[in-house]
Amino acid sequence: MLRLCSSSSTNKNGTLEMPAELQKRLEANYSSSYHQPLNGRVYDRKPIKFLLQKGKQYYWCTCGWSHNQPFCDGKHKNPHYKISLKPIRIVPEETREYWLCNCKQTKRRPFCDGTHKTPEVQETPRVYKNNF
C-alpha cells in the first residue's frame, strides 16, 4: 500500500473541497453510524490517500482499533474491547483517489478535514508507528 500525506484538500480559494459522496450521503439520514457523538482513538496523525472503486462498498473504521486501517475489520464487534462505535459505509460515485481520515477525529467522516493538524491530535499518542 502506498502511504501519502496531504497538507490539506483545498481548492483555489483555500477552502476544503467537499467530495460529492459527502454532500449526497442519503444513508446519513437513517444510519446512526453517521451521528455518533464520540470519536475513536488516534490511529495516525495524517490521512491516507486511497483509490476507491466506483460502486464498491467500503467500511471506514471509526473506532481506530482495526488492523486493516483505514477500513473496518470487525474488531468493534468483539465484546472484550467494549467499543460502541460503528463503521461508516462508503460507496463512491466515481473511481478516484480520496483522502481518508486516519486520526479518527474528523467532522467529515470518513474524509480528512485537517483535524490531524490540531495540537490535541498531534500531542495524542498514535497507534500506527512507522519504522523509518
C-alpha atoms as a PDB file:
ATOM      1  CA  MET A   1       0.000   0.000   0.000  1.00  0.00           C
ATOM      2  CA  LEU A   2       1.317   3.439  -0.910  1.00  0.00           C
ATOM      3  CA  ARG A   3       1.206   5.842   2.028  1.00  0.00           C
ATOM      4  CA  LEU A   4       0.998   9.534   1.232  1.00  0.00           C
ATOM      5  CA  CYS A   5       0.298  12.658   3.245  1.00  0.00           C
ATOM      6  CA  SER A   6      -1.521  15.833   2.230  1.00  0.00           C
ATOM      7  CA  SER A   7      -1.325  19.212   3.871  1.00  0.00           C
ATOM      8  CA  SER A   8      -5.000  19.615   3.023  1.00  0.00           C
ATOM      9  CA  SER A   9      -7.578  19.063   0.333  1.00  0.00           C
ATOM     10  CA  THR A  10      -8.110  22.681  -0.570  1.00  0.00           C
ATOM     11  CA  ASN A  11      -9.278  24.331  -3.766  1.00  0.00           C
ATOM     12  CA  LYS A  12      -8.013  27.578  -5.356  1.00  0.00           C
ATOM     13  CA  ASN A  13      -9.843  29.649  -2.734  1.00  0.00           C
ATOM     14  CA  GLY A  14      -8.102  27.848   0.126  1.00  0.00           C
ATOM     15  CA  THR A  15     -11.291  26.159   1.347  1.00  0.00           C
ATOM     16  CA  LEU A  16     -11.753  22.435   1.850  1.00  0.00           C
ATOM     17  CA  GLU A  17     -13.291  20.619  -1.088  1.00  0.00           C
ATOM     18  CA  MET A  18     -16.384  18.633  -0.210  1.00  0.00           C
ATOM     19  CA  PRO A  19     -16.431  15.309  -2.111  1.00  0.00           C
ATOM     20  CA  ALA A  20     -19.728  14.537  -3.848  1.00  0.00           C
ATOM     21  CA  GLU A  21     -20.027  11.391  -1.721  1.00  0.00           C
ATOM     22  CA  LEU A  22     -20.061  13.554   1.386  1.00  0.00           C
ATOM     23  CA  GLN A  23     -22.619  16.013   0.048  1.00  0.00           C
ATOM     24  CA  LYS A  24     -25.124  13.396  -1.111  1.00  0.00           C
ATOM     25  CA  ARG A  25     -24.996  10.693   1.541  1.00  0.00           C
ATOM     26  CA  LEU A  26     -28.634   9.704   1.755  1.00  0.00           C
ATOM     27  CA  GLU A  27     -27.856   6.929   4.224  1.00  0.00           C
ATOM     28  CA  ALA A  28     -26.722   9.628   6.677  1.00  0.00           C
ATOM     29  CA  ASN A  29     -30.413  10.429   7.153  1.00  0.00           C
ATOM     30  CA  TYR A  30     -31.248   6.978   8.527  1.00  0.00           C
ATOM     31  CA  SER A  31     -27.991   5.373   9.664  1.00  0.00           C
ATOM     32  CA  SER A  32     -26.969   6.020  13.261  1.00  0.00           C
ATOM     33  CA  SER A  33     -23.280   5.480  12.438  1.00  0.00           C
ATOM     34  CA  TYR A  34     -23.137   8.952  10.845  1.00  0.00           C
ATOM     35  CA  HIS A  35     -24.377  10.615  14.032  1.00  0.00           C
ATOM     36  CA  GLN A  36     -22.096   9.021  16.609  1.00  0.00           C
ATOM     37  CA  PRO A  37     -21.090  11.672  19.150  1.00  0.00           C
ATOM     38  CA  LEU A  38     -17.759  10.034  20.027  1.00  0.00           C
ATOM     39  CA  ASN A  39     -14.557   9.683  18.056  1.00  0.00           C
ATOM     40  CA  GLY A  40     -12.250   6.692  18.010  1.00  0.00           C
ATOM     41  CA  ARG A  41      -8.673   6.507  19.172  1.00  0.00           C
ATOM     42  CA  VAL A  42      -5.994   8.241  17.098  1.00  0.00           C
ATOM     43  CA  TYR A  43      -4.592   5.619  14.753  1.00  0.00           C
ATOM     44  CA  ASP A  44      -2.229   8.000  12.929  1.00  0.00           C
ATOM     45  CA  ARG A  45      -1.635  11.750  12.744  1.00  0.00           C
ATOM     46  CA  LYS A  46      -2.029  12.051   8.989  1.00  0.00           C
ATOM     47  CA  PRO A  47      -4.588  10.965   6.397  1.00  0.00           C
ATOM     48  CA  ILE A  48      -4.116   8.207   3.859  1.00  0.00           C
ATOM     49  CA  LYS A  49      -4.733   8.552   0.128  1.00  0.00           C
ATOM     50  CA  PHE A  50      -6.646   5.561  -1.169  1.00  0.00           C
ATOM     51  CA  LEU A  51      -8.031   4.604  -4.594  1.00  0.00           C
ATOM     52  CA  LEU A  52     -11.706   3.737  -4.137  1.00  0.00           C
ATOM     53  CA  GLN A  53     -13.651   1.978  -6.907  1.00  0.00           C
ATOM     54  CA  LYS A  54     -16.990   3.305  -8.166  1.00  0.00           C
ATOM     55  CA  GLY A  55     -19.981   1.434  -6.718  1.00  0.00           C
ATOM     56  CA  LYS A  56     -17.924  -0.778  -4.389  1.00  0.00           C
ATOM     57  CA  GLN A  57     -18.854  -0.740  -0.683  1.00  0.00           C
ATOM     58  CA  TYR A  58     -16.153   0.129   1.821  1.00  0.00           C
ATOM     59  CA  TYR A  59     -16.481   0.407   5.582  1.00  0.00           C
ATOM     60  CA  TRP A  60     -14.272   3.071   7.170  1.00  0.00           C
ATOM     61  CA  CYS A  61     -13.069   2.241  10.684  1.00  0.00           C
ATOM     62  CA  THR A  62     -14.425   4.774  13.167  1.00  0.00           C
ATOM     63  CA  CYS A  63     -13.022   3.250  16.361  1.00  0.00           C
ATOM     64  CA  GLY A  64      -9.310   3.139  15.433  1.00  0.00           C
ATOM     65  CA  TRP A  65      -8.861  -0.490  16.562  1.00  0.00           C
ATOM     66  CA  SER A  66      -8.907  -2.167  13.124  1.00  0.00           C
ATOM     67  CA  HIS A  67      -5.736  -3.875  11.880  1.00  0.00           C
ATOM     68  CA  ASN A  68      -6.894  -3.097   8.318  1.00  0.00           C
ATOM     69  CA  GLN A  69      -6.773   0.731   8.525  1.00  0.00           C
ATOM     70  CA  PRO A  70      -8.386   2.849   7.274  1.00  0.00           C
ATOM     71  CA  PHE A  71     -11.036   0.168   6.829  1.00  0.00           C
ATOM     72  CA  CYS A  72     -13.013  -1.834   9.380  1.00  0.00           C
ATOM     73  CA  ASP A  73     -12.036  -5.412  10.211  1.00  0.00           C
ATOM     74  CA  GLY A  74     -14.925  -6.005  12.631  1.00  0.00           C
ATOM     75  CA  LYS A  75     -12.888  -5.546  15.816  1.00  0.00           C
ATOM     76  CA  HIS A  76     -15.624  -3.235  17.198  1.00  0.00           C
ATOM     77  CA  LYS A  77     -17.878  -6.315  17.464  1.00  0.00           C
ATOM     78  CA  ASN A  78     -15.553  -8.031  19.957  1.00  0.00           C
ATOM     79  CA  PRO A  79     -17.176  -7.686  23.416  1.00  0.00           C
ATOM     80  CA  HIS A  80     -13.715  -7.693  25.047  1.00  0.00           C
ATOM     81  CA  TYR A  81     -12.975  -4.213  23.633  1.00  0.00           C
ATOM     82  CA  LYS A  82     -16.346  -2.687  24.648  1.00  0.00           C
ATOM     83  CA  ILE A  83     -16.422  -0.470  21.539  1.00  0.00           C
ATOM     84  CA  SER A  84     -19.708   1.297  20.844  1.00  0.00           C
ATOM     85  CA  LEU A  85     -18.602   2.948  17.576  1.00  0.00           C
ATOM     86  CA  LYS A  86     -19.783   1.583  14.228  1.00  0.00           C
ATOM     87  CA  PRO A  87     -18.018   1.828  10.851  1.00  0.00           C
ATOM     88  CA  ILE A  88     -19.064   4.326   8.166  1.00  0.00           C
ATOM     89  CA  ARG A  89     -20.195   2.895   4.829  1.00  0.00           C
ATOM     90  CA  ILE A  90     -18.672   4.475   1.701  1.00  0.00           C
ATOM     91  CA  VAL A  91     -19.983   3.843  -1.828  1.00  0.00           C
ATOM     92  CA  PRO A  92     -18.015   6.075  -4.239  1.00  0.00           C
ATOM     93  CA  GLU A  93     -19.834   7.576  -7.219  1.00  0.00           C
ATOM     94  CA  GLU A  94     -16.603   7.592  -9.224  1.00  0.00           C
ATOM     95  CA  THR A  95     -13.303   5.720  -9.175  1.00  0.00           C
ATOM     96  CA  ARG A  96     -10.611   8.060  -7.894  1.00  0.00           C
ATOM     97  CA  GLU A  97      -8.246   8.707  -5.009  1.00  0.00           C
ATOM     98  CA  TYR A  98      -9.711  10.012  -1.753  1.00  0.00           C
ATOM     99  CA  TRP A  99      -8.019  11.327   1.390  1.00  0.00           C
ATOM    100  CA  LEU A 100      -9.401   9.218   4.242  1.00  0.00           C
ATOM    101  CA  CYS A 101      -9.016  10.313   7.848  1.00  0.00           C
ATOM    102  CA  ASN A 102      -6.686   8.171   9.925  1.00  0.00           C
ATOM    103  CA  CYS A 103      -6.772  10.214  13.139  1.00  0.00           C
ATOM    104  CA  LYS A 104     -10.491   9.342  13.538  1.00  0.00           C
ATOM    105  CA  GLN A 105     -11.269  12.860  14.806  1.00  0.00           C
ATOM    106  CA  THR A 106     -12.657  14.327  11.546  1.00  0.00           C
ATOM    107  CA  LYS A 107     -16.000  16.119  11.413  1.00  0.00           C
ATOM    108  CA  ARG A 108     -16.365  14.980   7.754  1.00  0.00           C
ATOM    109  CA  ARG A 109     -16.368  11.209   8.301  1.00  0.00           C
ATOM    110  CA  PRO A 110     -14.735   9.337   6.609  1.00  0.00           C
ATOM    111  CA  PHE A 111     -12.838  12.087   4.778  1.00  0.00           C
ATOM    112  CA  CYS A 112      -9.951  14.125   6.160  1.00  0.00           C
ATOM    113  CA  ASP A 113     -10.838  17.667   7.241  1.00  0.00           C
ATOM    114  CA  GLY A 114      -7.420  18.663   8.580  1.00  0.00           C
ATOM    115  CA  THR A 115      -8.223  17.907  12.235  1.00  0.00           C
ATOM    116  CA  HIS A 116      -4.986  15.882  12.431  1.00  0.00           C
ATOM    117  CA  LYS A 117      -3.084  19.206  12.433  1.00  0.00           C
ATOM    118  CA  THR A 118      -4.610  20.387  15.725  1.00  0.00           C
ATOM    119  CA  PRO A 119      -2.426  20.371  18.855  1.00  0.00           C
ATOM    120  CA  GLU A 120      -4.819  17.934  20.569  1.00  0.00           C
ATOM    121  CA  VAL A 121      -4.303  15.299  17.874  1.00  0.00           C
ATOM    122  CA  GLN A 122      -0.579  15.978  17.412  1.00  0.00           C
ATOM    123  CA  GLU A 123       0.009  15.511  21.156  1.00  0.00           C
ATOM    124  CA  THR A 124      -2.039  12.298  21.369  1.00  0.00           C
ATOM    125  CA  PRO A 125      -0.092   9.029  21.176  1.00  0.00           C
ATOM    126  CA  ARG A 126      -0.893   7.265  17.924  1.00  0.00           C
ATOM    127  CA  VAL A 127      -1.341   3.566  17.301  1.00  0.00           C
ATOM    128  CA  TYR A 128       0.449   3.461  13.920  1.00  0.00           C
ATOM    129  CA  LYS A 129       4.227   3.642  14.135  1.00  0.00           C
ATOM    130  CA  ASN A 130       6.367   3.543  11.018  1.00  0.00           C
ATOM    131  CA  ASN A 131       9.883   2.175  11.154  1.00  0.00           C
ATOM    132  CA  PHE A 132      11.656   4.842   9.118  1.00  0.00           C
END
